C-alpha atoms as a PDB file:
ATOM      1  CA  UNK A   1      68.205 -29.836 154.077  1.00  0.00           C
ATOM      2  CA  UNK A   2      65.521 -27.296 154.503  1.00  0.00           C
ATOM      3  CA  UNK A   3      64.191 -25.230 157.323  1.00  0.00           C
ATOM      4  CA  UNK A   4      60.782 -25.268 158.173  1.00  0.00           C
ATOM      5  CA  UNK A   5      59.032 -23.921 161.254  1.00  0.00           C
ATOM      6  CA  UNK A   6      57.515 -26.083 163.692  1.00  0.00           C
ATOM      7  CA  UNK A   7      53.816 -24.846 164.349  1.00  0.00           C
ATOM      8  CA  UNK A   8      54.349 -26.021 167.784  1.00  0.00           C
ATOM      9  CA  UNK A   9      57.409 -24.211 168.753  1.00  0.00           C
ATOM     10  CA  UNK A  10      55.639 -20.707 167.072  1.00  0.00           C
ATOM     11  CA  UNK A  11      52.690 -21.588 169.685  1.00  0.00           C
ATOM     12  CA  UNK A  12      54.981 -22.368 172.290  1.00  0.00           C
ATOM     13  CA  UNK A  13      57.378 -18.845 171.904  1.00  0.00           C
ATOM     14  CA  UNK A  14      53.760 -16.814 171.606  1.00  0.00           C
ATOM     15  CA  UNK A  15      52.710 -18.069 174.465  1.00  0.00           C
ATOM     16  CA  UNK A  16      55.743 -17.589 176.672  1.00  0.00           C
ATOM     17  CA  UNK A  17      56.274 -14.180 175.562  1.00  0.00           C
ATOM     18  CA  UNK A  18      52.496 -13.884 176.640  1.00  0.00           C
ATOM     19  CA  UNK A  19      53.133 -15.079 179.817  1.00  0.00           C
ATOM     20  CA  UNK A  20      56.505 -12.818 180.228  1.00  0.00           C
ATOM     21  CA  UNK A  21      54.335  -9.501 179.540  1.00  0.00           C
ATOM     22  CA  UNK A  22      51.996 -10.767 182.036  1.00  0.00           C
ATOM     23  CA  UNK A  23      54.512 -11.456 184.808  1.00  0.00           C
ATOM     24  CA  UNK A  24      56.544  -8.231 183.825  1.00  0.00           C
ATOM     25  CA  UNK A  25      52.848  -6.353 184.225  1.00  0.00           C
ATOM     26  CA  UNK A  26      52.429  -7.763 187.676  1.00  0.00           C
ATOM     27  CA  UNK A  27      55.841  -7.276 189.281  1.00  0.00           C
ATOM     28  CA  UNK A  28      55.149  -3.406 187.882  1.00  0.00           C
ATOM     29  CA  UNK A  29      52.622  -2.935 189.343  1.00  0.00           C
ATOM     30  CA  UNK A  30      53.546  -4.346 192.477  1.00  0.00           C
ATOM     31  CA  UNK A  31      54.177  -1.313 195.532  1.00  0.00           C
ATOM     32  CA  UNK A  32      57.487  -0.819 195.698  1.00  0.00           C
ATOM     33  CA  UNK A  33      59.154  -1.797 199.260  1.00  0.00           C
ATOM     34  CA  UNK A  34      60.672   1.205 201.658  1.00  0.00           C
ATOM     35  CA  UNK A  35      64.254   0.173 202.283  1.00  0.00           C
ATOM     36  CA  UNK A  36      66.523   2.291 204.727  1.00  0.00           C
ATOM     37  CA  UNK A  37      70.280   2.140 205.367  1.00  0.00           C
ATOM     38  CA  UNK A  38      72.508   1.424 208.674  1.00  0.00           C
ATOM     39  CA  UNK A  39      72.937   5.622 208.491  1.00  0.00           C
ATOM     40  CA  UNK A  40      69.901   6.545 208.016  1.00  0.00           C
ATOM     41  CA  UNK A  41      68.489   4.569 210.841  1.00  0.00           C
ATOM     42  CA  UNK A  42      71.348   5.541 212.954  1.00  0.00           C
ATOM     43  CA  UNK A  43      70.553   9.306 212.187  1.00  0.00           C
ATOM     44  CA  UNK A  44      66.832   8.207 212.820  1.00  0.00           C
ATOM     45  CA  UNK A  45      67.103   6.648 216.460  1.00  0.00           C
ATOM     46  CA  UNK A  46      70.585   8.777 217.644  1.00  0.00           C
ATOM     47  CA  UNK A  47      72.612   6.025 218.172  1.00  0.00           C
ATOM     48  CA  UNK A  48      75.892   5.405 215.611  1.00  0.00           C
ATOM     49  CA  UNK A  49      76.347   3.263 212.858  1.00  0.00           C
ATOM     50  CA  UNK A  50      78.067   0.326 214.560  1.00  0.00           C
ATOM     51  CA  UNK A  51      74.960   0.057 217.056  1.00  0.00           C
ATOM     52  CA  UNK A  52      72.291  -0.104 214.434  1.00  0.00           C
ATOM     53  CA  UNK A  53      74.640  -3.122 212.951  1.00  0.00           C
ATOM     54  CA  UNK A  54      74.742  -4.727 215.503  1.00  0.00           C
ATOM     55  CA  UNK A  55      71.344  -4.478 216.248  1.00  0.00           C
ATOM     56  CA  UNK A  56      70.836  -5.580 212.775  1.00  0.00           C
ATOM     57  CA  UNK A  57      72.757  -8.305 213.180  1.00  0.00           C
ATOM     58  CA  UNK A  58      71.076  -9.532 216.618  1.00  0.00           C
ATOM     59  CA  UNK A  59      67.985 -10.002 214.153  1.00  0.00           C
ATOM     60  CA  UNK A  60      65.950  -7.076 215.813  1.00  0.00           C
ATOM     61  CA  UNK A  61      64.731  -5.093 212.648  1.00  0.00           C
ATOM     62  CA  UNK A  62      63.871  -9.066 211.422  1.00  0.00           C
ATOM     63  CA  UNK A  63      64.900 -10.037 207.949  1.00  0.00           C
ATOM     64  CA  UNK A  64      66.990  -7.492 205.882  1.00  0.00           C
ATOM     65  CA  UNK A  65      67.496  -7.383 202.099  1.00  0.00           C
ATOM     66  CA  UNK A  66      70.349  -7.699 200.520  1.00  0.00           C
ATOM     67  CA  UNK A  67      71.398  -5.571 197.581  1.00  0.00           C
ATOM     68  CA  UNK A  68      74.569  -6.370 196.286  1.00  0.00           C
ATOM     69  CA  UNK A  69      76.873  -6.332 199.318  1.00  0.00           C
ATOM     70  CA  UNK A  70      74.640  -3.829 201.325  1.00  0.00           C
ATOM     71  CA  UNK A  71      72.122  -4.146 203.073  1.00  0.00           C
ATOM     72  CA  UNK A  72      68.997  -2.736 203.746  1.00  0.00           C
ATOM     73  CA  UNK A  73      66.064  -2.700 206.911  1.00  0.00           C
ATOM     74  CA  UNK A  74      62.625  -3.032 205.392  1.00  0.00           C
ATOM     75  CA  UNK A  75      59.873  -0.608 206.515  1.00  0.00           C
ATOM     76  CA  UNK A  76      58.378  -3.854 208.303  1.00  0.00           C
ATOM     77  CA  UNK A  77      61.042  -4.593 210.620  1.00  0.00           C
ATOM     78  CA  UNK A  78      61.919  -0.603 211.595  1.00  0.00           C
ATOM     79  CA  UNK A  79      57.863  -0.982 212.869  1.00  0.00           C
ATOM     80  CA  UNK A  80      58.851  -4.447 214.271  1.00  0.00           C
ATOM     81  CA  UNK A  81      61.896  -2.823 215.710  1.00  0.00           C
ATOM     82  CA  UNK A  82      59.915   0.247 217.239  1.00  0.00           C
ATOM     83  CA  UNK A  83      56.850  -1.906 218.055  1.00  0.00           C
ATOM     84  CA  UNK A  84      59.841  -3.960 220.246  1.00  0.00           C
ATOM     85  CA  UNK A  85      61.364  -0.872 222.115  1.00  0.00           C
ATOM     86  CA  UNK A  86      57.939   0.893 222.781  1.00  0.00           C
ATOM     87  CA  UNK A  87      56.682  -2.503 224.866  1.00  0.00           C
ATOM     88  CA  UNK A  88      59.903  -2.443 226.367  1.00  0.00           C
ATOM     89  CA  UNK A  89      59.768   1.112 227.490  1.00  0.00           C
END
């Protein structure tokens, strides 16, 4: 049995490579999202890590990002929290 190359497979592989390169380029061009740790926010607001943890779990910082088992709070979440607290005062 001879191993012949299939032109359709060659075309599809080349097309897939081009699409992958475009996707990678678009992902690389996105601005990186600023993320905060619970410890960083505790220091920022002058409260304990437990207090920030409770507020995160209560949803006061909006949706969080999980990196493995670690939780990070987005800059948008921090702005939301600040705006909500400013409105309360």
